[in-house]
Amino acid sequence: MTSKKLVNTVAGCADEALAGLVACNPNLQLLHGHRVALRSDLDSLKGRVALLSGGGSGHEPAHAVGTLLIVKNYTGDRLNFGLAREQARAEGIPVEMVVIGDDSAFTVLKKAGRRGLCGTVLIHKVAGALAEAGMGLEEITNRVSAVAKAMGTLGVSLSSCSVPGSRPTFELSPDEVELGLGIHGEAGVRRIKMASANEIVTLMLDHMTASSSVSRVPVQSGEGLSRCLPAFCPTLGRGLESLTLVLCLSTGSSVVLMVNNLGGLSFLELGIIADAAVRTLEDRGVKIARALVGTFMTALEMPGISLTLLLVDEPLLKLIDAETTASAWPNVAKVSVTGRKRSRAAPAEPLEAPVSTVAGGLTSERVVLVLEQVCTTLLGLEEHLNALDRAAGDGDCGTTHSRAARAIQGWLKEGPPPASPAQLLSKLSLLLLEKMGGSSGALYGLFLTAAAQPLKAKTDLPAWCAAMDAGLEAMQKYGKAAPGDRTMLDSLWAAGQELQAWKSPGANLLQVLTKAVQSAEAAAEATKNMEAGAGRASYISSARLDQPDPGAVAAAAVLRAILEALQGQGV
């Protein structure tokens, strides 16, 4: 079965994609009758070296850049560009060709050599900066040839891609990852078990820098640097010898890191991979001079990433930093990544007034027991809540509440909770807003922040009833939900109506709370017969909503946990 693609015809994919690129970019023009994009200001550039790069479609935006031929080391690319070079030379046009092979996947070199991967984009940038500065053809060729020997790229993918009109190029089981693959859908050098982002990145960097590999990137840590000179420098042309000498005598290699989306990876995952790569390299004593994160050279919709490391010195960095109008080039700050302060201390929290009890006579120890009961309940409901959420959302309601529970557990291990009820709820509000995330985190945060206000003056039962009212009002104000809209508000609203009894003199805490919990649970169950009027579920057909709302179920479960914890303590 072929994969679905948003195309008009398979045959017209390349032409139409190129037309779209040019249509939306005033700096480019199409060469009539050819699949070639040119700079719009081409006529004003006479006397400078022209750069031509290309290849098959599906690697966008890699080849949408500015007569030096920059060719990725694939047979088809070499043949086509080689033919063009020979034809140009036959007409007396001076043309040079640089074949880029930055693939660090193979430990033993094959006859075909190293494949050209995302590192080619860095060569485009360096060559473009040199050409823009008026450098001659021979010198540009020598410079970029030397730079190309000081970099490496390795890719990893969660699954294959598929060419329009065709089936996926290879198959992976759910627990497998492809390591060392190219950019044409071909399989990699080996398959590994699925692991965390940190573990995958560590494996990739180990593979790229292994001393036993002929395609290694000679990145050195802060120790034993004097050994890198004889092992690396003799293999290079004169253009990079000075660079290598500087690196060998410094406190560690200085590199440009490129984290490339192969086409189908989410920005969330891309950020996680980038963080892992920066941390891992810096832990090894490697200085990251620049970090480029984004989509540079794709393999259609392949869900994977590649890492590129380029050894750099200051002159090479200036070429990387040179201004460009290339639309796909990121706006990278011209400062080193390593050594930059990345966080600042949070404002100091105000000191609490010493109070011995909370919540109308409950001790701090009892509050801890209540919170622990809530956490245990939510962790036990994770899969059930996720299952309920899949009908109307993204199936993460249980995961979100479990994240909140673990955050509270971690917070309790740091020390006793605040003694003041208002401070307790305010702290929980900030904790959930930061750690829980999603709409639930914001709603709980709003509820707790508002509920804390009436408790600043008093902590008797009428004050706790007022706190419930304030919390519900804030949720309705900003969440735009009302009772009957099939949200978590339904459970909390039903409980709030019962808690009005706390305003009466002589009201019993547990008796009223028991009725409130029962009403909340009944309201949660009733949501399965409601049409969603707010929240994500409101976009789903009511015919598909035949289970209770997961947020309402979670809210009722929290109230049940509080009740059972208080009953267990004999309050």
Protein backbone atom coordinates (compact mmCIF):
# COMPACT_ATOMS: atom_id res chain seq x y z
CA MET A 1 0.00 0.00 0.00
CA THR A 2 1.43 3.39 -1.01
CA SER A 3 1.67 6.21 1.53
CA LYS A 4 -0.70 9.17 1.27
CA LYS A 5 0.86 12.39 -0.06
CA LEU A 6 -0.58 15.85 -0.66
CA VAL A 7 0.50 16.07 -4.31
CA ASN A 8 -1.20 16.60 -7.65
CA THR A 9 0.71 14.03 -9.70
CA VAL A 10 3.77 11.96 -8.93
CA ALA A 11 5.46 13.10 -12.13
CA GLY A 12 4.92 16.78 -11.35
CA CYS A 13 6.13 16.78 -7.73
CA ALA A 14 9.58 18.25 -8.29
CA ASP A 15 8.47 20.94 -10.74
CA GLU A 16 5.54 22.09 -8.62
CA ALA A 17 7.52 22.12 -5.37
CA LEU A 18 10.24 24.18 -7.04
CA ALA A 19 7.62 26.55 -8.46
CA GLY A 20 6.17 27.00 -4.98
CA LEU A 21 9.58 27.81 -3.54
CA VAL A 22 10.24 30.47 -6.15
CA ALA A 23 6.71 31.88 -6.01
CA CYS A 24 7.07 32.65 -2.31
CA ASN A 25 10.68 33.87 -2.43
CA PRO A 26 11.37 37.12 -4.32
CA ASN A 27 15.12 36.43 -4.14
CA LEU A 28 14.80 33.46 -6.52
CA GLN A 29 13.83 32.90 -10.15
CA LEU A 30 13.28 29.79 -12.25
CA LEU A 31 15.52 29.09 -15.22
CA HIS A 32 12.94 28.65 -17.96
CA GLY A 33 12.66 25.08 -19.20
CA HIS A 34 14.85 23.65 -16.44
CA ARG A 35 14.49 22.51 -12.84
CA VAL A 36 16.89 25.21 -11.70
CA ALA A 37 16.41 28.08 -9.25
CA LEU A 38 18.66 31.12 -9.63
CA ARG A 39 19.27 34.24 -7.58
CA SER A 40 17.13 37.09 -8.86
CA ASP A 41 20.12 39.47 -8.76
CA LEU A 42 22.26 37.14 -10.86
CA ASP A 43 23.09 39.81 -13.47
CA SER A 44 24.72 42.01 -10.82
CA LEU A 45 27.05 39.24 -9.65
CA LYS A 46 29.29 39.01 -12.69
CA GLY A 47 32.93 38.47 -11.81
CA ARG A 48 32.18 36.28 -8.79
CA VAL A 49 32.36 32.51 -8.59
CA ALA A 50 28.97 30.87 -9.18
CA LEU A 51 27.94 28.01 -6.91
CA LEU A 52 25.75 25.23 -8.22
CA SER A 53 24.36 22.50 -6.00
CA GLY A 54 21.56 20.05 -6.38
CA GLY A 55 20.37 16.48 -6.38
CA GLY A 56 17.15 14.57 -6.27
CA SER A 57 13.99 16.15 -4.90
CA GLY A 58 12.82 15.32 -1.40
CA HIS A 59 15.80 16.84 0.44
CA GLU A 60 14.36 20.35 0.66
CA PRO A 61 15.38 22.95 1.68
CA ALA A 62 18.98 21.80 1.20
CA HIS A 63 19.47 22.76 -2.46
CA ALA A 64 17.67 26.09 -2.50
CA VAL A 65 21.04 27.93 -2.25
CA GLY A 66 23.20 29.96 -4.65
CA THR A 67 31.10 27.81 -11.37
CA LEU A 68 31.77 25.58 -8.33
CA LEU A 69 29.78 22.34 -8.36
CA ILE A 70 29.01 21.10 -4.82
CA VAL A 71 27.98 17.48 -5.10
CA LYS A 72 26.85 14.96 -2.48
CA ASN A 73 28.69 11.66 -2.84
CA TYR A 74 25.95 9.57 -4.46
CA THR A 75 26.37 7.85 -7.81
CA GLY A 76 23.49 9.68 -9.49
CA ASP A 77 24.69 13.06 -8.28
CA ARG A 78 28.29 12.43 -9.37
CA LEU A 79 27.19 11.25 -12.83
CA ASN A 80 24.86 14.16 -13.54
CA PHE A 81 27.16 16.86 -12.24
CA GLY A 82 30.18 15.19 -13.82
CA LEU A 83 28.43 15.32 -17.19
CA ALA A 84 27.58 18.99 -16.69
CA ARG A 85 31.19 19.75 -15.77
CA GLU A 86 32.57 18.04 -18.87
CA GLN A 87 30.07 19.81 -21.11
CA ALA A 88 31.00 23.18 -19.60
CA ARG A 89 34.72 22.52 -19.95
CA ALA A 90 34.20 21.53 -23.57
CA GLU A 91 32.80 25.02 -24.09
CA GLY A 92 35.81 26.61 -22.41
CA ILE A 93 34.05 27.42 -19.11
CA PRO A 94 36.28 26.92 -16.04
CA VAL A 95 34.38 24.59 -13.71
CA GLU A 96 35.51 22.76 -10.58
CA MET A 97 33.65 20.12 -8.61
CA VAL A 98 33.82 19.24 -4.91
CA VAL A 99 32.29 15.92 -3.87
CA ILE A 100 31.15 15.94 -0.24
CA GLY A 101 31.22 12.74 1.80
CA ASP A 102 30.47 13.51 5.44
CA ASP A 103 28.75 10.23 6.39
CA SER A 104 30.19 8.85 9.65
CA ALA A 105 28.15 5.65 9.64
CA PHE A 106 30.66 3.22 8.14
CA THR A 107 33.53 1.99 10.27
CA VAL A 108 35.24 0.42 7.24
CA LEU A 109 35.49 2.48 4.08
CA LYS A 110 33.74 1.04 1.03
CA LYS A 111 34.67 1.66 -2.60
CA ALA A 112 31.77 4.07 -3.05
CA GLY A 113 33.13 6.23 -0.24
CA ARG A 114 31.25 8.20 2.39
CA ARG A 115 27.80 9.44 1.42
CA GLY A 116 27.01 13.15 1.23
CA LEU A 117 24.60 14.16 3.99
CA CYS A 118 23.53 17.26 5.90
CA GLY A 119 27.09 18.52 6.33
CA THR A 120 26.86 19.52 2.67
CA VAL A 121 24.69 22.45 3.77
CA LEU A 122 27.60 23.83 5.82
CA ILE A 123 29.79 23.58 2.72
CA HIS A 124 27.16 25.57 0.81
CA LYS A 125 27.36 28.26 3.48
CA VAL A 126 31.16 28.43 3.58
CA ALA A 127 31.52 28.43 -0.21
CA GLY A 128 28.81 31.07 -0.54
CA ALA A 129 30.54 33.37 1.95
CA LEU A 130 33.86 32.97 0.12
CA ALA A 131 32.26 33.66 -3.25
CA GLU A 132 30.43 36.69 -1.89
CA ALA A 133 33.79 38.03 -0.64
CA GLY A 134 35.20 37.80 -4.17
CA MET A 135 37.44 34.76 -3.67
CA GLY A 136 38.70 32.98 -6.80
CA LEU A 137 37.51 29.59 -8.03
CA GLU A 138 40.69 27.66 -7.24
CA GLU A 139 41.00 29.08 -3.73
CA ILE A 140 37.33 28.41 -2.91
CA THR A 141 37.73 24.84 -4.15
CA ASN A 142 40.78 24.28 -1.96
CA ARG A 143 39.22 25.87 1.11
CA VAL A 144 35.95 23.97 1.02
CA SER A 145 37.73 20.70 0.19
CA ALA A 146 39.76 21.07 3.37
CA VAL A 147 36.75 22.03 5.47
CA ALA A 148 34.80 19.04 4.15
CA LYS A 149 37.42 16.70 5.69
CA ALA A 150 36.83 18.15 9.14
CA MET A 151 33.22 17.18 9.59
CA GLY A 152 30.92 14.20 9.92
CA THR A 153 27.22 13.40 9.99
CA LEU A 154 25.21 10.50 11.38
CA GLY A 155 21.48 9.91 11.06
CA VAL A 156 18.93 7.90 13.00
CA SER A 157 15.30 7.24 12.11
CA LEU A 158 12.21 5.89 13.84
CA SER A 159 10.74 4.64 10.56
CA SER A 160 11.27 4.92 6.83
CA CYS A 161 10.06 7.47 4.32
CA SER A 162 8.18 6.83 1.11
CA VAL A 163 8.64 8.29 -2.34
CA PRO A 164 5.34 9.65 -3.81
CA GLY A 165 3.52 6.78 -5.46
CA SER A 166 5.58 4.13 -3.67
CA ARG A 167 5.54 2.09 -0.48
CA PRO A 168 7.85 2.74 2.51
CA THR A 169 11.46 1.99 1.67
CA PHE A 170 12.07 -0.31 4.65
CA GLU A 171 10.22 -1.69 7.65
CA LEU A 172 11.01 -1.29 11.35
CA SER A 173 9.34 -3.01 14.27
CA PRO A 174 7.87 -0.75 16.98
CA ASP A 175 10.90 -1.24 19.25
CA GLU A 176 13.57 -0.66 16.59
CA VAL A 177 15.50 2.38 15.39
CA GLU A 178 17.60 2.61 12.22
CA LEU A 179 21.14 3.92 12.76
CA GLY A 180 23.42 5.36 10.10
CA LEU A 181 20.97 5.67 7.23
CA GLY A 182 21.26 7.91 4.19
CA ILE A 183 18.84 10.49 2.80
CA HIS A 184 17.29 8.44 0.01
CA GLY A 185 15.30 6.05 2.17
CA GLU A 186 18.01 3.42 2.19
CA ALA A 187 18.52 1.37 5.35
CA GLY A 188 21.31 2.17 7.79
CA VAL A 189 24.32 0.27 9.05
CA ARG A 190 22.47 -1.43 11.89
CA ARG A 191 19.27 -1.51 13.88
CA ILE A 192 19.17 -0.76 17.56
CA LYS A 193 16.51 -1.02 20.23
CA MET A 194 14.38 2.03 20.91
CA ALA A 195 15.79 4.00 23.82
CA SER A 196 15.60 7.43 25.44
CA ALA A 197 16.75 10.55 23.60
CA ASN A 198 19.80 10.79 25.86
CA GLU A 199 20.81 7.22 25.13
CA ILE A 200 20.28 7.59 21.36
CA VAL A 201 22.36 10.78 21.22
CA THR A 202 25.14 9.23 23.29
CA LEU A 203 25.22 6.22 20.97
CA MET A 204 25.31 8.48 17.91
CA LEU A 205 28.18 10.62 19.22
CA ASP A 206 30.12 7.54 20.33
CA HIS A 207 29.73 6.06 16.85
CA MET A 208 30.73 9.31 15.11
CA THR A 209 33.89 9.80 17.15
CA ALA A 210 35.05 6.18 17.65
CA SER A 211 38.82 6.05 17.13
CA SER A 212 38.55 2.69 15.31
CA SER A 213 36.30 4.11 12.57
CA VAL A 214 37.74 5.37 9.29
CA SER A 215 34.85 7.82 8.94
CA ARG A 216 35.16 9.28 12.42
CA VAL A 217 35.01 12.97 13.22
CA PRO A 218 38.27 13.68 15.08
CA VAL A 219 36.64 15.54 17.94
CA GLN A 220 38.88 15.71 20.99
CA SER A 221 37.84 16.21 24.59
CA GLY A 222 39.79 18.31 27.05
CA GLU A 223 42.27 15.52 27.80
CA GLY A 224 45.12 14.06 25.75
CA LEU A 225 44.83 16.62 22.97
CA SER A 226 48.49 16.40 21.96
CA ARG A 227 47.77 12.99 20.44
CA CYS A 228 45.36 14.35 17.84
CA LEU A 229 47.96 16.08 15.64
CA PRO A 230 49.82 13.07 14.20
CA ALA A 231 46.60 11.07 13.88
CA PHE A 232 44.68 13.72 11.95
CA CYS A 233 46.77 16.45 10.35
CA PRO A 234 48.67 14.33 7.79
CA THR A 235 45.42 13.36 6.09
CA LEU A 236 44.46 16.97 5.32
CA GLY A 237 45.41 19.54 2.74
CA ARG A 238 47.28 22.70 3.73
CA GLY A 239 44.04 24.62 4.03
CA LEU A 240 43.11 22.99 7.35
CA GLU A 241 46.46 22.25 8.96
CA SER A 242 46.50 25.49 10.92
CA LEU A 243 42.96 24.79 12.14
CA THR A 244 43.94 21.35 13.37
CA LEU A 245 47.01 22.69 15.15
CA VAL A 246 44.91 25.24 17.00
CA LEU A 247 42.46 22.55 18.07
CA CYS A 248 45.17 20.19 19.21
CA LEU A 249 46.75 22.81 21.45
CA SER A 250 43.51 24.15 22.92
CA THR A 251 41.51 22.86 25.84
CA GLY A 252 39.19 20.87 23.59
CA SER A 253 37.76 20.77 20.10
CA SER A 254 35.61 23.65 18.99
CA VAL A 255 32.71 22.57 16.78
CA VAL A 256 29.62 23.71 14.95
CA LEU A 257 26.76 21.38 15.86
CA MET A 258 23.92 20.89 13.40
CA VAL A 259 20.78 19.09 14.58
CA ASN A 260 18.82 18.32 11.43
CA ASN A 261 15.22 17.18 11.12
CA LEU A 262 15.06 14.49 8.44
CA GLY A 263 11.54 15.61 7.64
CA GLY A 264 8.97 14.09 9.98
CA LEU A 265 10.24 14.69 13.51
CA SER A 266 8.25 17.00 15.78
CA PHE A 267 9.79 20.24 17.01
CA LEU A 268 9.32 18.92 20.54
CA GLU A 269 11.59 15.95 19.85
CA LEU A 270 14.04 18.13 17.94
CA GLY A 271 14.48 20.35 21.00
CA ILE A 272 14.99 17.36 23.28
CA ILE A 273 17.64 15.93 20.93
CA ALA A 274 19.38 19.31 20.71
CA ASP A 275 19.51 19.58 24.49
CA ALA A 276 20.93 16.07 24.80
CA ALA A 277 23.57 16.73 22.12
CA VAL A 278 24.75 19.97 23.71
CA ARG A 279 24.94 18.44 27.19
CA THR A 280 26.73 15.30 26.01
CA LEU A 281 29.35 17.19 23.99
CA GLU A 282 30.01 19.71 26.74
CA ASP A 283 30.32 16.93 29.31
CA ARG A 284 33.11 15.56 27.12
CA GLY A 285 34.96 18.85 27.14
CA VAL A 286 33.95 19.83 23.61
CA LYS A 287 33.25 23.53 23.00
CA ILE A 288 30.16 24.21 20.89
CA ALA A 289 30.85 27.41 19.00
CA ARG A 290 27.51 27.45 17.19
CA ALA A 291 24.42 25.25 17.24
CA LEU A 292 22.04 25.09 14.29
CA VAL A 293 18.74 23.35 14.95
CA GLY A 294 16.07 22.91 12.31
CA THR A 295 15.18 21.37 8.97
CA PHE A 296 18.14 21.63 6.59
CA MET A 297 18.35 18.42 4.54
CA THR A 298 15.37 16.07 4.59
CA ALA A 299 14.53 12.60 3.38
CA LEU A 300 10.91 13.43 2.52
CA GLU A 301 8.81 12.70 5.62
CA MET A 302 11.31 10.51 7.46
CA PRO A 303 10.79 10.82 11.25
CA GLY A 304 14.41 11.06 12.30
CA ILE A 305 17.37 13.31 12.90
CA SER A 306 20.96 13.66 11.89
CA LEU A 307 23.79 15.21 13.88
CA THR A 308 26.64 17.01 12.12
CA LEU A 309 29.89 18.07 13.76
CA LEU A 310 32.26 20.48 12.02
CA LEU A 311 35.62 21.36 13.55
CA VAL A 312 36.07 25.12 13.41
CA ASP A 313 38.45 27.96 14.19
CA GLU A 314 37.69 31.69 14.20
CA PRO A 315 38.25 32.31 10.45
CA LEU A 316 35.90 29.44 9.59
CA LEU A 317 33.33 30.71 12.09
CA LYS A 318 33.27 34.07 10.35
CA LEU A 319 32.29 32.30 7.13
CA ILE A 320 29.54 30.38 8.96
CA ASP A 321 28.33 33.67 10.48
CA ALA A 322 28.41 35.64 7.21
CA GLU A 323 25.15 37.33 6.26
CA THR A 324 22.96 35.47 3.77
CA THR A 325 19.58 35.88 2.12
CA ALA A 326 19.01 32.12 1.91
CA SER A 327 15.50 31.72 3.30
CA ALA A 328 16.16 28.39 5.02
CA TRP A 329 19.27 29.52 6.89
CA PRO A 330 18.46 30.08 10.58
CA ASN A 331 19.02 33.33 12.43
CA VAL A 332 21.85 32.03 14.62
CA ALA A 333 23.36 34.26 17.29
CA LYS A 334 27.04 34.93 16.60
CA VAL A 335 28.17 33.88 20.06
CA SER A 336 29.44 30.64 21.49
CA VAL A 337 26.90 28.20 22.87
CA THR A 338 29.34 26.82 25.41
CA GLY A 339 30.07 29.19 28.26
CA ARG A 340 26.84 31.12 27.99
CA LYS A 341 24.68 31.48 31.08
CA ARG A 342 21.43 29.61 30.33
CA SER A 343 19.39 30.11 33.48
CA ARG A 344 18.87 32.50 36.31
CA ALA A 345 17.77 32.03 39.88
CA ALA A 346 14.06 32.34 40.63
CA PRO A 347 13.01 35.19 42.95
CA ALA A 348 13.29 34.28 46.60
CA GLU A 349 10.00 33.25 48.17
CA PRO A 350 8.73 35.35 51.08
CA LEU A 351 9.26 33.88 54.51
CA GLU A 352 6.19 32.30 56.10
CA ALA A 353 4.72 33.42 59.34
CA PRO A 354 5.07 30.59 61.89
CA VAL A 355 1.74 28.75 62.13
CA SER A 356 1.40 25.39 63.89
CA THR A 357 -1.70 24.05 62.14
CA VAL A 358 -3.50 24.30 58.82
CA ALA A 359 -6.98 23.72 57.46
CA GLY A 360 -8.98 24.38 60.59
CA GLY A 361 -6.85 22.37 62.98
CA LEU A 362 -5.10 19.90 60.64
CA THR A 363 -1.40 19.57 61.34
CA SER A 364 1.23 19.84 58.64
CA GLU A 365 1.88 16.11 58.99
CA ARG A 366 -1.77 15.37 58.22
CA VAL A 367 -1.64 17.59 55.15
CA VAL A 368 1.28 15.53 53.90
CA LEU A 369 -0.77 12.34 54.34
CA VAL A 370 -3.68 13.89 52.42
CA LEU A 371 -1.44 14.95 49.53
CA GLU A 372 0.23 11.56 49.42
CA GLN A 373 -3.19 9.88 49.20
CA VAL A 374 -4.14 12.17 46.30
CA CYS A 375 -0.89 11.37 44.51
CA THR A 376 -1.29 7.62 44.95
CA THR A 377 -4.85 7.82 43.61
CA LEU A 378 -3.87 9.77 40.50
CA LEU A 379 -0.95 7.50 39.70
CA GLY A 380 -3.24 4.50 39.92
CA LEU A 381 -5.71 6.10 37.52
CA GLU A 382 -3.19 7.00 34.80
CA GLU A 383 -4.12 4.35 32.23
CA HIS A 384 -7.86 4.61 32.92
CA LEU A 385 -7.86 8.40 32.43
CA ASN A 386 -5.75 8.10 29.28
CA ALA A 387 -8.21 5.58 27.87
CA LEU A 388 -11.16 7.91 28.57
CA ASP A 389 -9.29 10.80 27.00
CA ARG A 390 -8.55 9.02 23.72
CA ALA A 391 -12.18 9.38 22.67
CA ALA A 392 -12.11 13.16 22.77
CA GLY A 393 -8.52 14.29 23.13
CA ASP A 394 -4.95 13.21 22.68
CA GLY A 395 -5.08 10.48 25.31
CA ASP A 396 -2.84 12.16 27.87
CA CYS A 397 -5.22 13.14 30.68
CA GLY A 398 -3.90 10.36 32.91
CA THR A 399 -0.31 11.14 32.01
CA THR A 400 -0.86 14.80 32.82
CA HIS A 401 -2.35 14.02 36.24
CA SER A 402 0.42 11.51 36.96
CA ARG A 403 2.97 14.18 36.13
CA ALA A 404 1.26 16.42 38.68
CA ALA A 405 1.29 13.64 41.27
CA ARG A 406 5.01 12.99 40.81
CA ALA A 407 5.74 16.70 41.05
CA ILE A 408 3.88 16.90 44.36
CA GLN A 409 5.69 13.81 45.65
CA GLY A 410 9.04 15.33 44.76
CA TRP A 411 8.09 18.60 46.39
CA LEU A 412 7.07 16.87 49.63
CA LYS A 413 10.47 15.16 49.80
CA GLU A 414 12.15 18.56 49.86
CA GLY A 415 10.60 19.46 53.21
CA PRO A 416 7.31 20.09 55.02
CA PRO A 417 4.60 21.99 53.11
CA PRO A 418 3.78 25.61 54.04
CA ALA A 419 1.94 25.93 57.31
CA SER A 420 -0.51 28.55 56.07
CA PRO A 421 -3.48 27.19 54.04
CA ALA A 422 -3.28 30.16 51.67
CA GLN A 423 0.43 29.61 51.11
CA LEU A 424 -0.13 25.88 50.71
CA LEU A 425 -2.68 26.34 47.91
CA SER A 426 -0.59 29.07 46.26
CA LYS A 427 2.47 26.84 46.24
CA LEU A 428 0.48 23.93 44.81
CA SER A 429 -0.88 26.28 42.15
CA LEU A 430 2.60 27.27 40.97
CA LEU A 431 3.81 23.69 41.12
CA LEU A 432 0.98 22.34 38.97
CA LEU A 433 1.15 25.23 36.53
CA GLU A 434 4.86 24.57 35.98
CA LYS A 435 5.03 20.78 36.17
CA MET A 436 1.60 19.52 35.15
CA GLY A 437 1.21 21.45 31.92
CA GLY A 438 -1.68 21.47 29.49
CA SER A 439 -5.14 22.86 30.08
CA SER A 440 -5.51 20.82 33.27
CA GLY A 441 -2.43 22.43 34.81
CA ALA A 442 -3.74 25.90 34.01
CA LEU A 443 -7.23 25.12 35.32
CA TYR A 444 -5.98 23.63 38.58
CA GLY A 445 -3.60 26.56 38.89
CA LEU A 446 -6.44 29.07 38.44
CA PHE A 447 -8.63 27.20 40.90
CA LEU A 448 -5.99 27.00 43.63
CA THR A 449 -4.77 30.57 43.18
CA ALA A 450 -8.29 31.95 43.57
CA ALA A 451 -9.17 29.55 46.37
CA ALA A 452 -6.16 30.69 48.39
CA GLN A 453 -7.41 34.27 48.69
CA PRO A 454 -10.33 33.78 51.17
CA LEU A 455 -8.04 31.65 53.37
CA LYS A 456 -5.60 34.49 54.03
CA ALA A 457 -7.84 35.94 56.75
CA LYS A 458 -9.60 32.85 58.16
CA THR A 459 -9.32 29.05 57.93
CA ASP A 460 -12.63 27.93 59.39
CA LEU A 461 -15.20 25.90 57.42
CA PRO A 462 -17.07 28.93 56.01
CA ALA A 463 -13.71 30.22 54.71
CA TRP A 464 -13.05 26.89 52.97
CA CYS A 465 -16.52 27.08 51.40
CA ALA A 466 -15.67 30.59 50.18
CA ALA A 467 -12.39 29.21 48.80
CA MET A 468 -14.29 26.59 46.78
CA ASP A 469 -16.61 29.27 45.40
CA ALA A 470 -13.70 31.51 44.44
CA GLY A 471 -11.92 28.66 42.68
CA LEU A 472 -15.01 27.71 40.69
CA GLU A 473 -15.62 31.31 39.69
CA ALA A 474 -12.06 31.66 38.35
CA MET A 475 -12.36 28.45 36.34
CA GLN A 476 -15.59 29.64 34.72
CA LYS A 477 -14.23 33.12 34.05
CA TYR A 478 -11.16 32.02 32.14
CA GLY A 479 -12.11 28.51 31.00
CA LYS A 480 -15.48 29.61 29.59
CA ALA A 481 -17.08 26.37 30.77
CA ALA A 482 -20.32 26.08 32.71
CA PRO A 483 -21.98 23.21 34.58
CA GLY A 484 -23.36 20.79 32.00
CA ASP A 485 -20.59 21.40 29.44
CA ARG A 486 -18.97 18.01 30.09
CA THR A 487 -15.77 19.18 31.78
CA MET A 488 -14.01 18.78 35.10
CA LEU A 489 -16.10 21.73 36.28
CA ASP A 490 -19.14 19.45 36.47
CA SER A 491 -17.64 17.39 39.30
CA LEU A 492 -16.25 20.38 41.19
CA TRP A 493 -19.47 22.37 40.81
CA ALA A 494 -21.58 19.52 42.20
CA ALA A 495 -19.20 19.24 45.16
CA GLY A 496 -19.29 22.99 45.68
CA GLN A 497 -23.07 23.00 46.01
CA GLU A 498 -22.88 20.49 48.87
CA LEU A 499 -20.08 22.42 50.58
CA GLN A 500 -22.44 25.39 51.00
CA ALA A 501 -23.59 23.56 54.16
CA TRP A 502 -20.24 24.51 55.76
CA LYS A 503 -21.55 28.05 56.05
CA SER A 504 -24.14 26.91 58.63
CA PRO A 505 -23.17 27.00 62.32
CA GLY A 506 -22.21 23.58 63.70
CA ALA A 507 -21.66 21.99 60.27
CA ASN A 508 -19.69 18.74 60.36
CA LEU A 509 -16.59 18.67 58.14
CA LEU A 510 -16.66 14.99 57.16
CA GLN A 511 -20.42 14.63 56.80
CA VAL A 512 -20.64 17.54 54.39
CA LEU A 513 -17.48 16.47 52.54
CA THR A 514 -18.86 12.93 52.13
CA LYS A 515 -22.00 14.25 50.42
CA ALA A 516 -19.85 16.53 48.28
CA VAL A 517 -17.71 13.62 47.07
CA GLN A 518 -20.77 11.52 46.28
CA SER A 519 -22.28 14.37 44.27
CA ALA A 520 -18.99 14.91 42.43
CA GLU A 521 -18.80 11.23 41.46
CA ALA A 522 -22.40 11.21 40.27
CA ALA A 523 -21.77 14.35 38.22
CA ALA A 524 -18.67 12.80 36.66
CA GLU A 525 -20.62 9.70 35.65
CA ALA A 526 -23.39 11.86 34.22
CA THR A 527 -21.00 13.58 31.82
CA LYS A 528 -21.10 10.54 29.53
CA ASN A 529 -24.65 11.55 28.57
CA MET A 530 -23.77 15.21 27.97
CA GLU A 531 -22.89 17.02 24.78
CA ALA A 532 -19.56 18.77 25.21
CA GLY A 533 -19.97 22.53 25.28
CA ALA A 534 -16.38 23.49 26.08
CA GLY A 535 -12.88 22.11 25.95
CA ARG A 536 -11.29 19.87 23.31
CA ALA A 537 -14.21 17.43 23.37
CA SER A 538 -16.53 20.13 22.01
CA TYR A 539 -15.00 19.55 18.56
CA ILE A 540 -15.96 15.87 18.60
CA SER A 541 -19.29 14.43 17.48
CA SER A 542 -21.48 13.65 20.50
CA ALA A 543 -22.12 10.19 19.02
CA ARG A 544 -18.51 9.29 19.78
CA LEU A 545 -18.61 10.51 23.38
CA ASP A 546 -20.08 7.58 25.29
CA GLN A 547 -17.67 7.58 28.26
CA PRO A 548 -17.40 10.00 31.21
CA ASP A 549 -15.20 13.05 30.81
CA PRO A 550 -11.70 12.17 32.08
CA GLY A 551 -11.19 15.56 33.73
CA ALA A 552 -14.43 15.22 35.68
CA VAL A 553 -13.48 11.69 36.75
CA ALA A 554 -10.05 12.89 37.89
CA ALA A 555 -11.49 15.80 39.89
CA ALA A 556 -13.96 13.52 41.65
CA ALA A 557 -11.14 11.05 42.40
CA VAL A 558 -9.06 13.84 43.99
CA LEU A 559 -11.97 14.75 46.26
CA ARG A 560 -12.50 11.07 47.17
CA ALA A 561 -8.81 10.74 48.07
CA ILE A 562 -8.99 13.81 50.33
CA LEU A 563 -12.06 12.41 52.09
CA GLU A 564 -10.54 8.97 52.63
CA ALA A 565 -7.30 10.44 53.94
CA LEU A 566 -9.16 12.57 56.47
CA GLN A 567 -11.34 9.65 57.51
CA GLY A 568 -8.27 7.51 58.00
CA GLN A 569 -6.82 10.11 60.34
CA GLY A 570 -9.98 10.29 62.41
CA VAL A 571 -10.56 13.97 61.72
